[in-house]
Amino acid sequence: MKKILLVEDNEMNRDMLARRLQKRGFELLLAEDGLVGVKLAQTDKPDLILMDMSLPGMDGWEASRVLKADAATAGIPIIALTAHAMAEDREKALGAGCNEFETKPVDLASLLAKMATLLGPPTA
């Protein structure tokens, strides 16, 4: 079972996306801000991180940079989740170390396809 860290400060968005991913067989770790997300990534080593970019305290841009600068977490793929849909927002997310970019509201089929690409084939 693939372990996903969802870093999202909006409780409704976090709960809805977490339930939808759990139904598809993913184990979920949840964080409400960037600092907690970084700590969970360092201790629990998820297979993939879904990172909201607009977070209180340490935002998703900074959290992504911190994770990619740490040898222990640099290899964990990160998908940026943001309501900002401009081309420069995508470039900013990729520049911060994110591997992919998904706009909100999240299109689950699109997100799952990006996750599958980054996670590789399912393991038994």
PDB file of N, CA and C in Angstrom:
ATOM      1  N   MET A   1       0.845  -1.176   0.000  1.00  0.00           N
ATOM      2  CA  MET A   1       0.000   0.000   0.000  1.00  0.00           C
ATOM      3  C   MET A   1       0.895   1.245   0.000  1.00  0.00           C
ATOM      4  N   LYS A   2       0.660   2.148  -0.951  1.00  0.00           N
ATOM      5  CA  LYS A   2       1.446   3.376  -1.067  1.00  0.00           C
ATOM      6  C   LYS A   2       0.988   4.385  -0.019  1.00  0.00           C
ATOM      7  N   LYS A   3       1.979   5.029   0.607  1.00  0.00           N
ATOM      8  CA  LYS A   3       1.715   6.002   1.660  1.00  0.00           C
ATOM      9  C   LYS A   3       1.804   7.412   1.065  1.00  0.00           C
ATOM     10  N   ILE A   4       0.720   8.174   1.228  1.00  0.00           N
ATOM     11  CA  ILE A   4       0.621   9.521   0.688  1.00  0.00           C
ATOM     12  C   ILE A   4       0.529  10.516   1.842  1.00  0.00           C
ATOM     13  N   LEU A   5       1.351  11.561   1.795  1.00  0.00           N
ATOM     14  CA  LEU A   5       1.254  12.655   2.754  1.00  0.00           C
ATOM     15  C   LEU A   5       0.475  13.780   2.090  1.00  0.00           C
ATOM     16  N   LEU A   6      -0.655  14.130   2.672  1.00  0.00           N
ATOM     17  CA  LEU A   6      -1.493  15.225   2.180  1.00  0.00           C
ATOM     18  C   LEU A   6      -1.310  16.408   3.122  1.00  0.00           C
ATOM     19  N   VAL A   7      -0.741  17.487   2.599  1.00  0.00           N
ATOM     20  CA  VAL A   7      -0.529  18.706   3.383  1.00  0.00           C
ATOM     21  C   VAL A   7      -1.535  19.732   2.879  1.00  0.00           C
ATOM     22  N   GLU A   8      -2.565  19.972   3.682  1.00  0.00           N
ATOM     23  CA  GLU A   8      -3.694  20.830   3.280  1.00  0.00           C
ATOM     24  C   GLU A   8      -4.278  21.472   4.527  1.00  0.00           C
ATOM     25  N   ASP A   9      -4.383  22.804   4.541  1.00  0.00           N
ATOM     26  CA  ASP A   9      -4.889  23.485   5.731  1.00  0.00           C
ATOM     27  C   ASP A   9      -6.406  23.561   5.782  1.00  0.00           C
ATOM     28  N   ASN A  10      -7.081  23.436   4.647  1.00  0.00           N
ATOM     29  CA  ASN A  10      -8.540  23.505   4.630  1.00  0.00           C
ATOM     30  C   ASN A  10      -9.100  22.131   5.016  1.00  0.00           C
ATOM     31  N   GLU A  11      -9.769  22.078   6.164  1.00  0.00           N
ATOM     32  CA  GLU A  11     -10.243  20.809   6.705  1.00  0.00           C
ATOM     33  C   GLU A  11     -11.180  20.070   5.743  1.00  0.00           C
ATOM     34  N   MET A  12     -12.090  20.807   5.099  1.00  0.00           N
ATOM     35  CA  MET A  12     -13.031  20.165   4.187  1.00  0.00           C
ATOM     36  C   MET A  12     -12.289  19.565   2.977  1.00  0.00           C
ATOM     37  N   ASN A  13     -11.378  20.324   2.395  1.00  0.00           N
ATOM     38  CA  ASN A  13     -10.602  19.815   1.260  1.00  0.00           C
ATOM     39  C   ASN A  13      -9.757  18.607   1.670  1.00  0.00           C
ATOM     40  N   ARG A  14      -9.123  18.706   2.836  1.00  0.00           N
ATOM     41  CA  ARG A  14      -8.253  17.631   3.333  1.00  0.00           C
ATOM     42  C   ARG A  14      -9.048  16.350   3.554  1.00  0.00           C
ATOM     43  N   ASP A  15     -10.180  16.470   4.240  1.00  0.00           N
ATOM     44  CA  ASP A  15     -10.981  15.287   4.546  1.00  0.00           C
ATOM     45  C   ASP A  15     -11.564  14.647   3.291  1.00  0.00           C
ATOM     46  N   MET A  16     -12.064  15.487   2.370  1.00  0.00           N
ATOM     47  CA  MET A  16     -12.673  14.955   1.155  1.00  0.00           C
ATOM     48  C   MET A  16     -11.637  14.226   0.297  1.00  0.00           C
ATOM     49  N   LEU A  17     -10.478  14.852   0.083  1.00  0.00           N
ATOM     50  CA  LEU A  17      -9.453  14.223  -0.749  1.00  0.00           C
ATOM     51  C   LEU A  17      -8.885  12.982  -0.057  1.00  0.00           C
ATOM     52  N   ALA A  18      -8.694  13.049   1.239  1.00  0.00           N
ATOM     53  CA  ALA A  18      -8.170  11.887   1.974  1.00  0.00           C
ATOM     54  C   ALA A  18      -9.117  10.692   1.847  1.00  0.00           C
ATOM     55  N   ARG A  19     -10.414  10.917   2.003  1.00  0.00           N
ATOM     56  CA  ARG A  19     -11.382   9.822   1.885  1.00  0.00           C
ATOM     57  C   ARG A  19     -11.372   9.224   0.482  1.00  0.00           C
ATOM     58  N   ARG A  20     -11.300  10.077  -0.527  1.00  0.00           N
ATOM     59  CA  ARG A  20     -11.312   9.595  -1.909  1.00  0.00           C
ATOM     60  C   ARG A  20     -10.057   8.764  -2.207  1.00  0.00           C
ATOM     61  N   LEU A  21      -8.931   9.170  -1.662  1.00  0.00           N
ATOM     62  CA  LEU A  21      -7.694   8.412  -1.892  1.00  0.00           C
ATOM     63  C   LEU A  21      -7.665   7.114  -1.082  1.00  0.00           C
ATOM     64  N   GLN A  22      -8.183   7.154   0.142  1.00  0.00           N
ATOM     65  CA  GLN A  22      -8.249   5.932   0.958  1.00  0.00           C
ATOM     66  C   GLN A  22      -9.126   4.883   0.290  1.00  0.00           C
ATOM     67  N   LYS A  23     -10.219   5.307  -0.336  1.00  0.00           N
ATOM     68  CA  LYS A  23     -11.100   4.373  -1.051  1.00  0.00           C
ATOM     69  C   LYS A  23     -10.365   3.677  -2.189  1.00  0.00           C
ATOM     70  N   ARG A  24      -9.323   4.317  -2.695  1.00  0.00           N
ATOM     71  CA  ARG A  24      -8.539   3.752  -3.793  1.00  0.00           C
ATOM     72  C   ARG A  24      -7.307   2.998  -3.297  1.00  0.00           C
ATOM     73  N   GLY A  25      -7.263   2.746  -1.987  1.00  0.00           N
ATOM     74  CA  GLY A  25      -6.232   1.874  -1.444  1.00  0.00           C
ATOM     75  C   GLY A  25      -4.960   2.545  -0.959  1.00  0.00           C
ATOM     76  N   PHE A  26      -4.943   3.873  -0.864  1.00  0.00           N
ATOM     77  CA  PHE A  26      -3.764   4.565  -0.366  1.00  0.00           C
ATOM     78  C   PHE A  26      -3.831   4.719   1.151  1.00  0.00           C
ATOM     79  N   GLU A  27      -2.672   4.654   1.792  1.00  0.00           N
ATOM     80  CA  GLU A  27      -2.557   4.991   3.214  1.00  0.00           C
ATOM     81  C   GLU A  27      -2.276   6.486   3.273  1.00  0.00           C
ATOM     82  N   LEU A  28      -2.994   7.215   4.135  1.00  0.00           N
ATOM     83  CA  LEU A  28      -2.856   8.668   4.181  1.00  0.00           C
ATOM     84  C   LEU A  28      -2.240   9.147   5.479  1.00  0.00           C
ATOM     85  N   LEU A  29      -1.317  10.078   5.351  1.00  0.00           N
ATOM     86  CA  LEU A  29      -0.798  10.865   6.461  1.00  0.00           C
ATOM     87  C   LEU A  29      -1.313  12.274   6.218  1.00  0.00           C
ATOM     88  N   LEU A  30      -1.739  12.977   7.261  1.00  0.00           N
ATOM     89  CA  LEU A  30      -2.335  14.298   7.093  1.00  0.00           C
ATOM     90  C   LEU A  30      -1.580  15.349   7.895  1.00  0.00           C
ATOM     91  N   ALA A  31      -1.382  16.514   7.258  1.00  0.00           N
ATOM     92  CA  ALA A  31      -0.756  17.653   7.926  1.00  0.00           C
ATOM     93  C   ALA A  31      -1.536  18.906   7.561  1.00  0.00           C
ATOM     94  N   GLU A  32      -1.625  19.826   8.523  1.00  0.00           N
ATOM     95  CA  GLU A  32      -2.393  21.051   8.328  1.00  0.00           C
ATOM     96  C   GLU A  32      -1.539  22.235   7.915  1.00  0.00           C
ATOM     97  N   ASP A  33      -0.216  22.112   8.005  1.00  0.00           N
ATOM     98  CA  ASP A  33       0.654  23.213   7.595  1.00  0.00           C
ATOM     99  C   ASP A  33       1.995  22.661   7.115  1.00  0.00           C
ATOM    100  N   GLY A  34       2.796  23.543   6.543  1.00  0.00           N
ATOM    101  CA  GLY A  34       4.054  23.124   5.950  1.00  0.00           C
ATOM    102  C   GLY A  34       5.045  22.554   6.933  1.00  0.00           C
ATOM    103  N   LEU A  35       5.142  23.142   8.112  1.00  0.00           N
ATOM    104  CA  LEU A  35       6.103  22.667   9.100  1.00  0.00           C
ATOM    105  C   LEU A  35       5.784  21.238   9.552  1.00  0.00           C
ATOM    106  N   VAL A  36       4.522  20.967   9.845  1.00  0.00           N
ATOM    107  CA  VAL A  36       4.112  19.615  10.226  1.00  0.00           C
ATOM    108  C   VAL A  36       4.320  18.661   9.045  1.00  0.00           C
ATOM    109  N   GLY A  37       4.031  19.129   7.831  1.00  0.00           N
ATOM    110  CA  GLY A  37       4.241  18.317   6.643  1.00  0.00           C
ATOM    111  C   GLY A  37       5.693  17.914   6.477  1.00  0.00           C
ATOM    112  N   VAL A  38       6.608  18.866   6.668  1.00  0.00           N
ATOM    113  CA  VAL A  38       8.041  18.572   6.566  1.00  0.00           C
ATOM    114  C   VAL A  38       8.438  17.544   7.623  1.00  0.00           C
ATOM    115  N   LYS A  39       7.982  17.731   8.847  1.00  0.00           N
ATOM    116  CA  LYS A  39       8.332  16.794   9.926  1.00  0.00           C
ATOM    117  C   LYS A  39       7.803  15.389   9.641  1.00  0.00           C
ATOM    118  N   LEU A  40       6.552  15.295   9.175  1.00  0.00           N
ATOM    119  CA  LEU A  40       5.982  13.982   8.857  1.00  0.00           C
ATOM    120  C   LEU A  40       6.746  13.324   7.702  1.00  0.00           C
ATOM    121  N   ALA A  41       7.117  14.103   6.701  1.00  0.00           N
ATOM    122  CA  ALA A  41       7.873  13.549   5.575  1.00  0.00           C
ATOM    123  C   ALA A  41       9.213  13.004   6.057  1.00  0.00           C
ATOM    124  N   GLN A  42       9.854  13.719   6.972  1.00  0.00           N
ATOM    125  CA  GLN A  42      11.161  13.293   7.477  1.00  0.00           C
ATOM    126  C   GLN A  42      11.061  12.042   8.344  1.00  0.00           C
ATOM    127  N   THR A  43       9.997  11.909   9.110  1.00  0.00           N
ATOM    128  CA  THR A  43       9.883  10.762  10.017  1.00  0.00           C
ATOM    129  C   THR A  43       9.205   9.555   9.389  1.00  0.00           C
ATOM    130  N   ASP A  44       8.190   9.792   8.537  1.00  0.00           N
ATOM    131  CA  ASP A  44       7.384   8.687   8.014  1.00  0.00           C
ATOM    132  C   ASP A  44       7.713   8.277   6.585  1.00  0.00           C
ATOM    133  N   LYS A  45       8.512   9.056   5.891  1.00  0.00           N
ATOM    134  CA  LYS A  45       8.961   8.747   4.523  1.00  0.00           C
ATOM    135  C   LYS A  45       7.820   8.266   3.612  1.00  0.00           C
ATOM    136  N   PRO A  46       6.875   9.163   3.292  1.00  0.00           N
ATOM    137  CA  PRO A  46       5.782   8.762   2.394  1.00  0.00           C
ATOM    138  C   PRO A  46       6.320   8.471   0.994  1.00  0.00           C
ATOM    139  N   ASP A  47       5.510   7.789   0.199  1.00  0.00           N
ATOM    140  CA  ASP A  47       5.881   7.498  -1.184  1.00  0.00           C
ATOM    141  C   ASP A  47       5.661   8.708  -2.085  1.00  0.00           C
ATOM    142  N   LEU A  48       4.756   9.610  -1.666  1.00  0.00           N
ATOM    143  CA  LEU A  48       4.431  10.790  -2.462  1.00  0.00           C
ATOM    144  C   LEU A  48       3.807  11.831  -1.549  1.00  0.00           C
ATOM    145  N   ILE A  49       3.997  13.109  -1.877  1.00  0.00           N
ATOM    146  CA  ILE A  49       3.430  14.208  -1.096  1.00  0.00           C
ATOM    147  C   ILE A  49       2.512  15.033  -1.983  1.00  0.00           C
ATOM    148  N   LEU A  50       1.307  15.308  -1.492  1.00  0.00           N
ATOM    149  CA  LEU A  50       0.381  16.244  -2.120  1.00  0.00           C
ATOM    150  C   LEU A  50       0.450  17.515  -1.284  1.00  0.00           C
ATOM    151  N   MET A  51       0.982  18.597  -1.861  1.00  0.00           N
ATOM    152  CA  MET A  51       1.305  19.801  -1.107  1.00  0.00           C
ATOM    153  C   MET A  51       0.469  20.990  -1.547  1.00  0.00           C
ATOM    154  N   ASP A  52      -0.427  21.429  -0.665  1.00  0.00           N
ATOM    155  CA  ASP A  52      -1.119  22.696  -0.899  1.00  0.00           C
ATOM    156  C   ASP A  52      -0.047  23.782  -0.836  1.00  0.00           C
ATOM    157  N   MET A  53      -0.117  24.759  -1.710  1.00  0.00           N
ATOM    158  CA  MET A  53       0.924  25.779  -1.738  1.00  0.00           C
ATOM    159  C   MET A  53       0.593  26.971  -0.835  1.00  0.00           C
ATOM    160  N   SER A  54      -0.677  27.207  -0.560  1.00  0.00           N
ATOM    161  CA  SER A  54      -1.086  28.335   0.290  1.00  0.00           C
ATOM    162  C   SER A  54      -1.401  27.817   1.684  1.00  0.00           C
ATOM    163  N   LEU A  55      -0.366  27.767   2.516  1.00  0.00           N
ATOM    164  CA  LEU A  55      -0.501  27.231   3.867  1.00  0.00           C
ATOM    165  C   LEU A  55      -0.119  28.297   4.885  1.00  0.00           C
ATOM    166  N   PRO A  56      -0.682  28.204   6.097  1.00  0.00           N
ATOM    167  CA  PRO A  56      -0.269  29.138   7.156  1.00  0.00           C
ATOM    168  C   PRO A  56       1.139  28.779   7.647  1.00  0.00           C
ATOM    169  N   GLY A  57       1.829  29.765   8.176  1.00  0.00           N
ATOM    170  CA  GLY A  57       3.187  29.512   8.671  1.00  0.00           C
ATOM    171  C   GLY A  57       4.113  29.243   7.494  1.00  0.00           C
ATOM    172  N   MET A  58       4.726  28.077   7.478  1.00  0.00           N
ATOM    173  CA  MET A  58       5.576  27.690   6.353  1.00  0.00           C
ATOM    174  C   MET A  58       4.676  27.283   5.197  1.00  0.00           C
ATOM    175  N   ASP A  59       4.715  28.051   4.095  1.00  0.00           N
ATOM    176  CA  ASP A  59       3.842  27.730   2.972  1.00  0.00           C
ATOM    177  C   ASP A  59       4.389  26.545   2.168  1.00  0.00           C
ATOM    178  N   GLY A  60       3.613  26.094   1.202  1.00  0.00           N
ATOM    179  CA  GLY A  60       3.986  24.927   0.413  1.00  0.00           C
ATOM    180  C   GLY A  60       5.227  25.135  -0.434  1.00  0.00           C
ATOM    181  N   TRP A  61       5.454  26.384  -0.866  1.00  0.00           N
ATOM    182  CA  TRP A  61       6.654  26.681  -1.662  1.00  0.00           C
ATOM    183  C   TRP A  61       7.898  26.404  -0.816  1.00  0.00           C
ATOM    184  N   GLU A  62       7.910  26.964   0.402  1.00  0.00           N
ATOM    185  CA  GLU A  62       9.063  26.797   1.290  1.00  0.00           C
ATOM    186  C   GLU A  62       9.202  25.355   1.757  1.00  0.00           C
ATOM    187  N   ALA A  63       8.087  24.715   2.117  1.00  0.00           N
ATOM    188  CA  ALA A  63       8.134  23.321   2.560  1.00  0.00           C
ATOM    189  C   ALA A  63       8.724  22.430   1.463  1.00  0.00           C
ATOM    190  N   SER A  64       8.331  22.672   0.214  1.00  0.00           N
ATOM    191  CA  SER A  64       8.868  21.884  -0.906  1.00  0.00           C
ATOM    192  C   SER A  64      10.367  22.098  -1.050  1.00  0.00           C
ATOM    193  N   ARG A  65      10.808  23.356  -0.945  1.00  0.00           N
ATOM    194  CA  ARG A  65      12.250  23.639  -1.036  1.00  0.00           C
ATOM    195  C   ARG A  65      13.017  22.941   0.080  1.00  0.00           C
ATOM    196  N   VAL A  66      12.484  22.983   1.301  1.00  0.00           N
ATOM    197  CA  VAL A  66      13.142  22.333   2.450  1.00  0.00           C
ATOM    198  C   VAL A  66      13.256  20.828   2.205  1.00  0.00           C
ATOM    199  N   LEU A  67      12.163  20.210   1.749  1.00  0.00           N
ATOM    200  CA  LEU A  67      12.169  18.759   1.521  1.00  0.00           C
ATOM    201  C   LEU A  67      13.145  18.362   0.418  1.00  0.00           C
ATOM    202  N   LYS A  68      13.216  19.146  -0.649  1.00  0.00           N
ATOM    203  CA  LYS A  68      14.105  18.811  -1.760  1.00  0.00           C
ATOM    204  C   LYS A  68      15.574  19.081  -1.410  1.00  0.00           C
ATOM    205  N   ALA A  69      15.835  19.954  -0.423  1.00  0.00           N
ATOM    206  CA  ALA A  69      17.204  20.247   0.000  1.00  0.00           C
ATOM    207  C   ALA A  69      17.740  19.209   0.991  1.00  0.00           C
ATOM    208  N   ASP A  70      16.862  18.395   1.554  1.00  0.00           N
ATOM    209  CA  ASP A  70      17.230  17.375   2.545  1.00  0.00           C
ATOM    210  C   ASP A  70      17.440  16.047   1.818  1.00  0.00           C
ATOM    211  N   ALA A  71      18.637  15.486   1.914  1.00  0.00           N
ATOM    212  CA  ALA A  71      18.952  14.234   1.214  1.00  0.00           C
ATOM    213  C   ALA A  71      17.981  13.116   1.593  1.00  0.00           C
ATOM    214  N   ALA A  72      17.466  13.136   2.822  1.00  0.00           N
ATOM    215  CA  ALA A  72      16.570  12.072   3.286  1.00  0.00           C
ATOM    216  C   ALA A  72      15.187  12.141   2.628  1.00  0.00           C
ATOM    217  N   THR A  73      14.784  13.313   2.152  1.00  0.00           N
ATOM    218  CA  THR A  73      13.449  13.464   1.571  1.00  0.00           C
ATOM    219  C   THR A  73      13.476  13.965   0.118  1.00  0.00           C
ATOM    220  N   ALA A  74      14.632  14.243  -0.407  1.00  0.00           N
ATOM    221  CA  ALA A  74      14.753  14.827  -1.750  1.00  0.00           C
ATOM    222  C   ALA A  74      14.133  13.946  -2.835  1.00  0.00           C
ATOM    223  N   GLY A  75      14.146  12.644  -2.640  1.00  0.00           N
ATOM    224  CA  GLY A  75      13.623  11.733  -3.656  1.00  0.00           C
ATOM    225  C   GLY A  75      12.127  11.503  -3.607  1.00  0.00           C
ATOM    226  N   ILE A  76      11.448  12.061  -2.618  1.00  0.00           N
ATOM    227  CA  ILE A  76       9.991  11.880  -2.515  1.00  0.00           C
ATOM    228  C   ILE A  76       9.311  12.825  -3.504  1.00  0.00           C
ATOM    229  N   PRO A  77       8.530  12.288  -4.446  1.00  0.00           N
ATOM    230  CA  PRO A  77       7.849  13.173  -5.398  1.00  0.00           C
ATOM    231  C   PRO A  77       6.793  14.029  -4.703  1.00  0.00           C
ATOM    232  N   ILE A  78       6.678  15.282  -5.188  1.00  0.00           N
ATOM    233  CA  ILE A  78       5.707  16.229  -4.638  1.00  0.00           C
ATOM    234  C   ILE A  78       4.817  16.727  -5.774  1.00  0.00           C
ATOM    235  N   ILE A  79       3.510  16.678  -5.530  1.00  0.00           N
ATOM    236  CA  ILE A  79       2.552  17.285  -6.453  1.00  0.00           C
ATOM    237  C   ILE A  79       1.994  18.527  -5.764  1.00  0.00           C
ATOM    238  N   ALA A  80       2.194  19.685  -6.395  1.00  0.00           N
ATOM    239  CA  ALA A  80       1.661  20.941  -5.874  1.00  0.00           C
ATOM    240  C   ALA A  80       0.161  20.988  -6.113  1.00  0.00           C
ATOM    241  N   LEU A  81      -0.584  21.394  -5.103  1.00  0.00           N
ATOM    242  CA  LEU A  81      -2.033  21.602  -5.214  1.00  0.00           C
ATOM    243  C   LEU A  81      -2.289  23.082  -4.968  1.00  0.00           C
ATOM    244  N   THR A  82      -2.879  23.769  -5.939  1.00  0.00           N
ATOM    245  CA  THR A  82      -3.099  25.199  -5.758  1.00  0.00           C
ATOM    246  C   THR A  82      -4.277  25.698  -6.576  1.00  0.00           C
ATOM    247  N   ALA A  83      -4.916  26.743  -6.078  1.00  0.00           N
ATOM    248  CA  ALA A  83      -5.993  27.394  -6.809  1.00  0.00           C
ATOM    249  C   ALA A  83      -5.424  28.344  -7.862  1.00  0.00           C
ATOM    250  N   HIS A  84      -4.123  28.616  -7.794  1.00  0.00           N
ATOM    251  CA  HIS A  84      -3.467  29.503  -8.753  1.00  0.00           C
ATOM    252  C   HIS A  84      -3.161  28.714 -10.024  1.00  0.00           C
ATOM    253  N   ALA A  85      -3.825  29.066 -11.113  1.00  0.00           N
ATOM    254  CA  ALA A  85      -3.746  28.248 -12.324  1.00  0.00           C
ATOM    255  C   ALA A  85      -2.963  28.895 -13.459  1.00  0.00           C
ATOM    256  N   MET A  86      -2.229  29.943 -13.176  1.00  0.00           N
ATOM    257  CA  MET A  86      -1.461  30.617 -14.219  1.00  0.00           C
ATOM    258  C   MET A  86      -0.193  29.814 -14.539  1.00  0.00           C
ATOM    259  N   ALA A  87       0.308  29.981 -15.750  1.00  0.00           N
ATOM    260  CA  ALA A  87       1.515  29.258 -16.184  1.00  0.00           C
ATOM    261  C   ALA A  87       2.692  29.553 -15.267  1.00  0.00           C
ATOM    262  N   GLU A  88       2.808  30.808 -14.809  1.00  0.00           N
ATOM    263  CA  GLU A  88       3.932  31.149 -13.929  1.00  0.00           C
ATOM    264  C   GLU A  88       3.816  30.454 -12.567  1.00  0.00           C
ATOM    265  N   ASP A  89       2.595  30.137 -12.140  1.00  0.00           N
ATOM    266  CA  ASP A  89       2.418  29.401 -10.881  1.00  0.00           C
ATOM    267  C   ASP A  89       2.952  27.984 -11.027  1.00  0.00           C
ATOM    268  N   ARG A  90       2.707  27.371 -12.173  1.00  0.00           N
ATOM    269  CA  ARG A  90       3.241  26.032 -12.438  1.00  0.00           C
ATOM    270  C   ARG A  90       4.771  26.074 -12.422  1.00  0.00           C
ATOM    271  N   GLU A  91       5.330  27.068 -13.093  1.00  0.00           N
ATOM    272  CA  GLU A  91       6.798  27.188 -13.143  1.00  0.00           C
ATOM    273  C   GLU A  91       7.371  27.440 -11.752  1.00  0.00           C
ATOM    274  N   LYS A  92       6.676  28.251 -10.954  1.00  0.00           N
ATOM    275  CA  LYS A  92       7.132  28.534  -9.586  1.00  0.00           C
ATOM    276  C   LYS A  92       7.129  27.255  -8.749  1.00  0.00           C
ATOM    277  N   ALA A  93       6.075  26.436  -8.904  1.00  0.00           N
ATOM    278  CA  ALA A  93       5.984  25.174  -8.152  1.00  0.00           C
ATOM    279  C   ALA A  93       7.092  24.218  -8.577  1.00  0.00           C
ATOM    280  N   LEU A  94       7.327  24.095  -9.874  1.00  0.00           N
ATOM    281  CA  LEU A  94       8.391  23.211 -10.354  1.00  0.00           C
ATOM    282  C   LEU A  94       9.747  23.740  -9.896  1.00  0.00           C
ATOM    283  N   GLY A  95       9.902  25.064  -9.872  1.00  0.00           N
ATOM    284  CA  GLY A  95      11.142  25.673  -9.400  1.00  0.00           C
ATOM    285  C   GLY A  95      11.390  25.428  -7.915  1.00  0.00           C
ATOM    286  N   ALA A  96      10.321  25.267  -7.151  1.00  0.00           N
ATOM    287  CA  ALA A  96      10.443  24.996  -5.712  1.00  0.00           C
ATOM    288  C   ALA A  96      10.748  23.523  -5.442  1.00  0.00           C
ATOM    289  N   GLY A  97      10.751  22.699  -6.506  1.00  0.00           N
ATOM    290  CA  GLY A  97      11.079  21.289  -6.338  1.00  0.00           C
ATOM    291  C   GLY A  97       9.925  20.333  -6.549  1.00  0.00           C
ATOM    292  N   CYS A  98       8.738  20.869  -6.820  1.00  0.00           N
ATOM    293  CA  CYS A  98       7.596  19.985  -7.064  1.00  0.00           C
ATOM    294  C   CYS A  98       7.791  19.253  -8.393  1.00  0.00           C
ATOM    295  N   ASN A  99       7.337  18.013  -8.430  1.00  0.00           N
ATOM    296  CA  ASN A  99       7.455  17.205  -9.647  1.00  0.00           C
ATOM    297  C   ASN A  99       6.279  17.392 -10.580  1.00  0.00           C
ATOM    298  N   GLU A 100       5.140  17.777 -10.028  1.00  0.00           N
ATOM    299  CA  GLU A 100       3.916  17.948 -10.804  1.00  0.00           C
ATOM    300  C   GLU A 100       3.092  19.058 -10.178  1.00  0.00           C
ATOM    301  N   PHE A 101       1.995  19.407 -10.856  1.00  0.00           N
ATOM    302  CA  PHE A 101       1.166  20.551 -10.489  1.00  0.00           C
ATOM    303  C   PHE A 101      -0.282  20.204 -10.800  1.00  0.00           C
ATOM    304  N   GLU A 102      -1.174  20.423  -9.854  1.00  0.00           N
ATOM    305  CA  GLU A 102      -2.604  20.165 -10.056  1.00  0.00           C
ATOM    306  C   GLU A 102      -3.379  21.350  -9.488  1.00  0.00           C
ATOM    307  N   THR A 103      -4.300  21.895 -10.289  1.00  0.00           N
ATOM    308  CA  THR A 103      -5.078  23.025  -9.819  1.00  0.00           C
ATOM    309  C   THR A 103      -6.285  22.556  -9.008  1.00  0.00           C
ATOM    310  N   LYS A 104      -6.754  23.461  -8.149  1.00  0.00           N
ATOM    311  CA  LYS A 104      -7.962  23.219  -7.367  1.00  0.00           C
ATOM    312  C   LYS A 104      -9.110  23.952  -8.043  1.00  0.00           C
ATOM    313  N   PRO A 105     -10.327  23.448  -7.953  1.00  0.00           N
ATOM    314  CA  PRO A 105     -10.653  22.177  -7.314  1.00  0.00           C
ATOM    315  C   PRO A 105      -9.998  21.012  -8.058  1.00  0.00           C
ATOM    316  N   VAL A 106      -9.572  20.033  -7.288  1.00  0.00           N
ATOM    317  CA  VAL A 106      -8.814  18.908  -7.823  1.00  0.00           C
ATOM    318  C   VAL A 106      -9.692  18.036  -8.718  1.00  0.00           C
ATOM    319  N   ASP A 107      -9.188  17.774  -9.917  1.00  0.00           N
ATOM    320  CA  ASP A 107      -9.807  16.806 -10.824  1.00  0.00           C
ATOM    321  C   ASP A 107      -9.196  15.458 -10.437  1.00  0.00           C
ATOM    322  N   LEU A 108      -9.969  14.609  -9.774  1.00  0.00           N
ATOM    323  CA  LEU A 108      -9.432  13.378  -9.212  1.00  0.00           C
ATOM    324  C   LEU A 108      -8.798  12.484 -10.272  1.00  0.00           C
ATOM    325  N   ALA A 109      -9.416  12.347 -11.430  1.00  0.00           N
ATOM    326  CA  ALA A 109      -8.859  11.490 -12.485  1.00  0.00           C
ATOM    327  C   ALA A 109      -7.493  12.003 -12.926  1.00  0.00           C
ATOM    328  N   SER A 110      -7.370  13.303 -13.086  1.00  0.00           N
ATOM    329  CA  SER A 110      -6.094  13.905 -13.481  1.00  0.00           C
ATOM    330  C   SER A 110      -5.045  13.706 -12.388  1.00  0.00           C
ATOM    331  N   LEU A 111      -5.435  13.936 -11.134  1.00  0.00           N
ATOM    332  CA  LEU A 111      -4.512  13.756 -10.016  1.00  0.00           C
ATOM    333  C   LEU A 111      -4.051  12.305  -9.916  1.00  0.00           C
ATOM    334  N   LEU A 112      -4.977  11.368 -10.030  1.00  0.00           N
ATOM    335  CA  LEU A 112      -4.611   9.943  -9.944  1.00  0.00           C
ATOM    336  C   LEU A 112      -3.659   9.538 -11.060  1.00  0.00           C
ATOM    337  N   ALA A 113      -3.852  10.102 -12.258  1.00  0.00           N
ATOM    338  CA  ALA A 113      -2.958   9.799 -13.373  1.00  0.00           C
ATOM    339  C   ALA A 113      -1.546  10.317 -13.083  1.00  0.00           C
ATOM    340  N   LYS A 114      -1.446  11.522 -12.532  1.00  0.00           N
ATOM    341  CA  LYS A 114      -0.135  12.084 -12.183  1.00  0.00           C
ATOM    342  C   LYS A 114       0.509  11.278 -11.062  1.00  0.00           C
ATOM    343  N   MET A 115      -0.286  10.874 -10.093  1.00  0.00           N
ATOM    344  CA  MET A 115       0.227  10.065  -8.997  1.00  0.00           C
ATOM    345  C   MET A 115       0.757   8.732  -9.523  1.00  0.00           C
ATOM    346  N   ALA A 116       0.019   8.102 -10.421  1.00  0.00           N
ATOM    347  CA  ALA A 116       0.433   6.802 -10.981  1.00  0.00           C
ATOM    348  C   ALA A 116       1.762   6.935 -11.720  1.00  0.00           C
ATOM    349  N   THR A 117       1.928   8.027 -12.462  1.00  0.00           N
ATOM    350  CA  THR A 117       3.179   8.256 -13.188  1.00  0.00           C
ATOM    351  C   THR A 117       4.352   8.378 -12.218  1.00  0.00           C
ATOM    352  N   LEU A 118       4.151   9.123 -11.141  1.00  0.00           N
ATOM    353  CA  LEU A 118       5.233   9.368 -10.176  1.00  0.00           C
ATOM    354  C   LEU A 118       5.493   8.161  -9.272  1.00  0.00           C
ATOM    355  N   LEU A 119       4.446   7.400  -8.957  1.00  0.00           N
ATOM    356  CA  LEU A 119       4.597   6.253  -8.054  1.00  0.00           C
ATOM    357  C   LEU A 119       5.061   4.987  -8.764  1.00  0.00           C
ATOM    358  N   GLY A 120       4.858   4.925 -10.073  1.00  0.00           N
ATOM    359  CA  GLY A 120       5.221   3.721 -10.801  1.00  0.00           C
ATOM    360  C   GLY A 120       4.148   2.654 -10.653  1.00  0.00           C
ATOM    361  N   PRO A 121       4.431   1.446 -11.139  1.00  0.00           N
ATOM    362  CA  PRO A 121       3.422   0.388 -11.094  1.00  0.00           C
ATOM    363  C   PRO A 121       3.071   0.000  -9.656  1.00  0.00           C
ATOM    364  N   PRO A 122       1.823  -0.416  -9.427  1.00  0.00           N
ATOM    365  CA  PRO A 122       1.418  -0.818  -8.080  1.00  0.00           C
ATOM    366  C   PRO A 122       2.210  -2.024  -7.597  1.00  0.00           C
ATOM    367  N   THR A 123       2.449  -2.055  -6.302  1.00  0.00           N
ATOM    368  CA  THR A 123       3.140  -3.203  -5.706  1.00  0.00           C
ATOM    369  C   THR A 123       2.133  -4.018  -4.919  1.00  0.00           C
ATOM    370  N   ALA A 124       2.322  -5.311  -4.896  1.00  0.00           N
ATOM    371  CA  ALA A 124       1.390  -6.197  -4.198  1.00  0.00           C
ATOM    372  C   ALA A 124       1.648  -6.204  -2.720  1.00  0.00           C
TER     373      ALA A 124
END
